[in-house]
Every structure is written in C-alpha cells, then in structure tokens.
C-alpha cells in the first residue's frame, strides 16, 4: 500500500501500516464487479466491514493531513 512508499523521514506507526493492509484487501474486489463470482461487490461486504474500512481510511487521511501541515 502507499504508506510504504512515503519517504524514510516520515515515521508511520505499525498499527497504521496494518490498517493500510486491511484496506488493500478491499481495493480490487470492490473495484471490479467480477472479482466475487457469487455476487456483486456491494452484496459481499456488510456494515461492519464498511464501518471498519471507513474508520481506517479516516485515520490514514488524518495522518496524511498531519504530515502535510
């Protein structure tokens, strides 16, 4: 994921790296409609997964914003 591509001078907490990995798992399956043979992507993910992904993405965005300030 993109957090690993930041310059070495930017220190990223290990838990944020893990959250980025979780989000990576959603990228391809959610983007391509045929990635889940049994159903459409919107049928594969439930509210808990969605809430977790939104929370993790928000934390990563907050971190990125803090690095640009």
N, C-alpha and C. Protein backbone atom coordinates (compact mmCIF):
# COMPACT_ATOMS: atom_id res chain seq x y z
N UNK A 1 0.83 -1.18 0.00
CA UNK A 1 0.00 0.00 0.00
C UNK A 1 0.87 1.24 0.00
N UNK A 2 0.27 2.35 -0.17
CA UNK A 2 1.00 3.59 -0.40
C UNK A 2 1.75 4.11 0.81
N UNK A 3 1.37 3.71 2.02
CA UNK A 3 2.09 4.19 3.20
C UNK A 3 3.55 3.76 3.16
N UNK A 4 3.82 2.61 2.57
CA UNK A 4 5.20 2.12 2.48
C UNK A 4 6.05 2.93 1.51
N UNK A 5 5.40 3.69 0.64
CA UNK A 5 6.13 4.46 -0.36
C UNK A 5 6.49 5.87 0.11
N UNK A 6 6.14 6.20 1.35
CA UNK A 6 6.50 7.51 1.88
C UNK A 6 8.00 7.60 2.09
N UNK A 7 8.55 8.80 2.09
CA UNK A 7 9.99 8.95 2.36
C UNK A 7 10.35 8.36 3.73
N UNK A 8 11.57 7.91 3.86
CA UNK A 8 12.04 7.30 5.12
C UNK A 8 11.96 8.27 6.29
N UNK A 9 11.93 9.56 6.02
CA UNK A 9 11.87 10.54 7.10
C UNK A 9 10.49 10.60 7.75
N UNK A 10 9.49 10.03 7.10
CA UNK A 10 8.14 10.00 7.65
C UNK A 10 7.97 8.69 8.42
N UNK A 11 7.75 8.81 9.72
CA UNK A 11 7.57 7.63 10.56
C UNK A 11 6.09 7.30 10.64
N UNK A 12 5.76 6.09 10.21
CA UNK A 12 4.37 5.63 10.22
C UNK A 12 4.25 4.54 11.28
N UNK A 13 3.29 4.71 12.19
CA UNK A 13 3.07 3.73 13.25
C UNK A 13 2.69 2.38 12.66
N UNK A 14 3.13 1.32 13.33
CA UNK A 14 2.88 -0.04 12.85
C UNK A 14 1.39 -0.33 12.71
N UNK A 15 0.58 0.18 13.63
CA UNK A 15 -0.86 -0.10 13.54
C UNK A 15 -1.48 0.57 12.33
N UNK A 16 -0.94 1.71 11.92
CA UNK A 16 -1.44 2.38 10.72
C UNK A 16 -1.07 1.60 9.47
N UNK A 17 0.12 1.01 9.48
CA UNK A 17 0.54 0.14 8.36
C UNK A 17 -0.43 -1.05 8.26
N UNK A 18 -0.76 -1.65 9.39
CA UNK A 18 -1.68 -2.79 9.39
C UNK A 18 -3.06 -2.38 8.88
N UNK A 19 -3.51 -1.21 9.25
CA UNK A 19 -4.81 -0.73 8.77
C UNK A 19 -4.78 -0.50 7.27
N UNK A 20 -3.64 -0.06 6.75
CA UNK A 20 -3.49 0.08 5.31
C UNK A 20 -3.57 -1.26 4.61
N UNK A 21 -3.01 -2.28 5.24
CA UNK A 21 -3.08 -3.63 4.66
C UNK A 21 -4.52 -4.14 4.62
N UNK A 22 -5.27 -3.86 5.67
CA UNK A 22 -6.68 -4.25 5.68
C UNK A 22 -7.41 -3.58 4.52
N UNK A 23 -7.15 -2.30 4.32
CA UNK A 23 -7.81 -1.58 3.23
C UNK A 23 -7.39 -2.11 1.86
N UNK A 24 -6.14 -2.54 1.74
CA UNK A 24 -5.67 -3.12 0.48
C UNK A 24 -6.53 -4.31 0.07
N UNK A 25 -6.99 -5.08 1.06
CA UNK A 25 -7.82 -6.25 0.76
C UNK A 25 -9.16 -5.90 0.13
N UNK A 26 -9.61 -4.68 0.31
CA UNK A 26 -10.88 -4.24 -0.27
C UNK A 26 -10.72 -3.67 -1.67
N UNK A 27 -9.53 -3.27 -2.05
CA UNK A 27 -9.35 -2.49 -3.27
C UNK A 27 -9.83 -3.21 -4.53
N UNK A 28 -9.20 -4.30 -4.88
CA UNK A 28 -9.54 -5.00 -6.13
C UNK A 28 -10.96 -5.56 -6.09
N UNK A 29 -11.33 -6.30 -5.04
CA UNK A 29 -12.68 -6.88 -5.04
C UNK A 29 -13.80 -5.85 -5.11
N UNK A 30 -13.60 -4.70 -4.50
CA UNK A 30 -14.66 -3.69 -4.52
C UNK A 30 -14.69 -2.92 -5.84
N UNK A 31 -13.57 -2.91 -6.52
CA UNK A 31 -13.48 -2.11 -7.75
C UNK A 31 -13.99 -2.84 -8.98
N UNK A 32 -13.77 -4.14 -9.02
CA UNK A 32 -14.11 -4.90 -10.22
C UNK A 32 -15.31 -5.80 -9.96
N UNK A 33 -16.39 -5.63 -10.70
CA UNK A 33 -17.63 -6.34 -10.43
C UNK A 33 -17.54 -7.86 -10.54
N UNK A 34 -16.60 -8.37 -11.29
CA UNK A 34 -16.50 -9.83 -11.44
C UNK A 34 -15.48 -10.46 -10.49
N UNK A 35 -14.99 -9.72 -9.52
CA UNK A 35 -13.99 -10.27 -8.60
C UNK A 35 -14.61 -11.22 -7.57
N UNK A 36 -15.91 -11.11 -7.34
CA UNK A 36 -16.63 -12.03 -6.46
C UNK A 36 -17.60 -12.83 -7.34
N UNK A 37 -17.25 -14.06 -7.67
CA UNK A 37 -18.08 -14.82 -8.59
C UNK A 37 -19.50 -15.08 -8.08
N UNK A 38 -19.69 -15.11 -6.78
CA UNK A 38 -21.01 -15.45 -6.24
C UNK A 38 -21.99 -14.28 -6.22
N UNK A 39 -21.46 -13.06 -6.18
CA UNK A 39 -22.36 -11.91 -6.07
C UNK A 39 -21.60 -10.63 -6.42
N UNK A 40 -22.35 -9.56 -6.54
CA UNK A 40 -21.75 -8.25 -6.80
C UNK A 40 -21.01 -7.77 -5.55
N UNK A 41 -19.99 -6.91 -5.71
CA UNK A 41 -19.24 -6.44 -4.56
C UNK A 41 -20.11 -5.85 -3.45
N UNK A 42 -21.15 -5.11 -3.81
CA UNK A 42 -21.96 -4.49 -2.75
C UNK A 42 -22.71 -5.53 -1.91
N UNK A 43 -22.87 -6.73 -2.45
CA UNK A 43 -23.52 -7.80 -1.70
C UNK A 43 -22.54 -8.58 -0.83
N UNK A 44 -21.28 -8.41 -1.08
CA UNK A 44 -20.25 -9.18 -0.37
C UNK A 44 -19.84 -8.53 0.95
N UNK A 45 -19.92 -7.22 1.04
CA UNK A 45 -19.47 -6.50 2.23
C UNK A 45 -20.65 -6.04 3.06
N UNK A 46 -20.54 -6.20 4.37
CA UNK A 46 -21.61 -5.80 5.26
C UNK A 46 -21.28 -4.53 6.02
N UNK A 47 -22.18 -4.10 6.87
CA UNK A 47 -21.99 -2.85 7.62
C UNK A 47 -20.74 -2.84 8.49
N UNK A 48 -20.42 -3.97 9.13
CA UNK A 48 -19.24 -3.99 10.00
C UNK A 48 -17.96 -3.77 9.20
N UNK A 49 -17.83 -4.44 8.07
CA UNK A 49 -16.65 -4.26 7.24
C UNK A 49 -16.58 -2.84 6.70
N UNK A 50 -17.71 -2.31 6.31
CA UNK A 50 -17.76 -0.95 5.77
C UNK A 50 -17.35 0.07 6.82
N UNK A 51 -17.89 -0.08 8.02
CA UNK A 51 -17.56 0.85 9.10
C UNK A 51 -16.08 0.78 9.45
N UNK A 52 -15.54 -0.43 9.50
CA UNK A 52 -14.12 -0.60 9.80
C UNK A 52 -13.27 0.06 8.72
N UNK A 53 -13.61 -0.17 7.47
CA UNK A 53 -12.84 0.41 6.37
C UNK A 53 -12.89 1.93 6.40
N UNK A 54 -14.06 2.49 6.67
CA UNK A 54 -14.19 3.95 6.75
C UNK A 54 -13.36 4.49 7.90
N UNK A 55 -13.39 3.81 9.05
CA UNK A 55 -12.60 4.26 10.21
C UNK A 55 -11.11 4.22 9.88
N UNK A 56 -10.64 3.13 9.31
CA UNK A 56 -9.22 3.00 8.98
C UNK A 56 -8.80 4.05 7.95
N UNK A 57 -9.62 4.24 6.94
CA UNK A 57 -9.30 5.24 5.91
C UNK A 57 -9.25 6.63 6.52
N UNK A 58 -10.17 6.92 7.43
CA UNK A 58 -10.18 8.23 8.10
C UNK A 58 -8.91 8.45 8.89
N UNK A 59 -8.45 7.42 9.58
CA UNK A 59 -7.21 7.53 10.36
C UNK A 59 -6.01 7.77 9.45
N UNK A 60 -5.97 7.10 8.33
CA UNK A 60 -4.86 7.29 7.39
C UNK A 60 -4.90 8.68 6.78
N UNK A 61 -6.08 9.16 6.44
CA UNK A 61 -6.21 10.52 5.90
C UNK A 61 -5.79 11.55 6.94
N UNK A 62 -6.20 11.34 8.19
CA UNK A 62 -5.81 12.25 9.27
C UNK A 62 -4.29 12.29 9.42
N UNK A 63 -3.66 11.12 9.34
CA UNK A 63 -2.20 11.05 9.42
C UNK A 63 -1.56 11.81 8.26
N UNK A 64 -2.07 11.59 7.05
CA UNK A 64 -1.52 12.27 5.87
C UNK A 64 -1.67 13.78 6.00
N UNK A 65 -2.83 14.22 6.47
CA UNK A 65 -3.05 15.66 6.68
C UNK A 65 -2.05 16.23 7.68
N UNK A 66 -1.79 15.48 8.75
CA UNK A 66 -0.85 15.97 9.77
C UNK A 66 0.57 16.07 9.23
N UNK A 67 0.91 15.23 8.27
CA UNK A 67 2.25 15.26 7.69
C UNK A 67 2.43 16.41 6.71
N UNK A 68 1.33 16.89 6.15
CA UNK A 68 1.41 17.99 5.18
C UNK A 68 1.34 19.34 5.85
N UNK A 69 0.98 19.37 7.12
CA UNK A 69 0.83 20.66 7.82
C UNK A 69 2.16 21.27 8.17
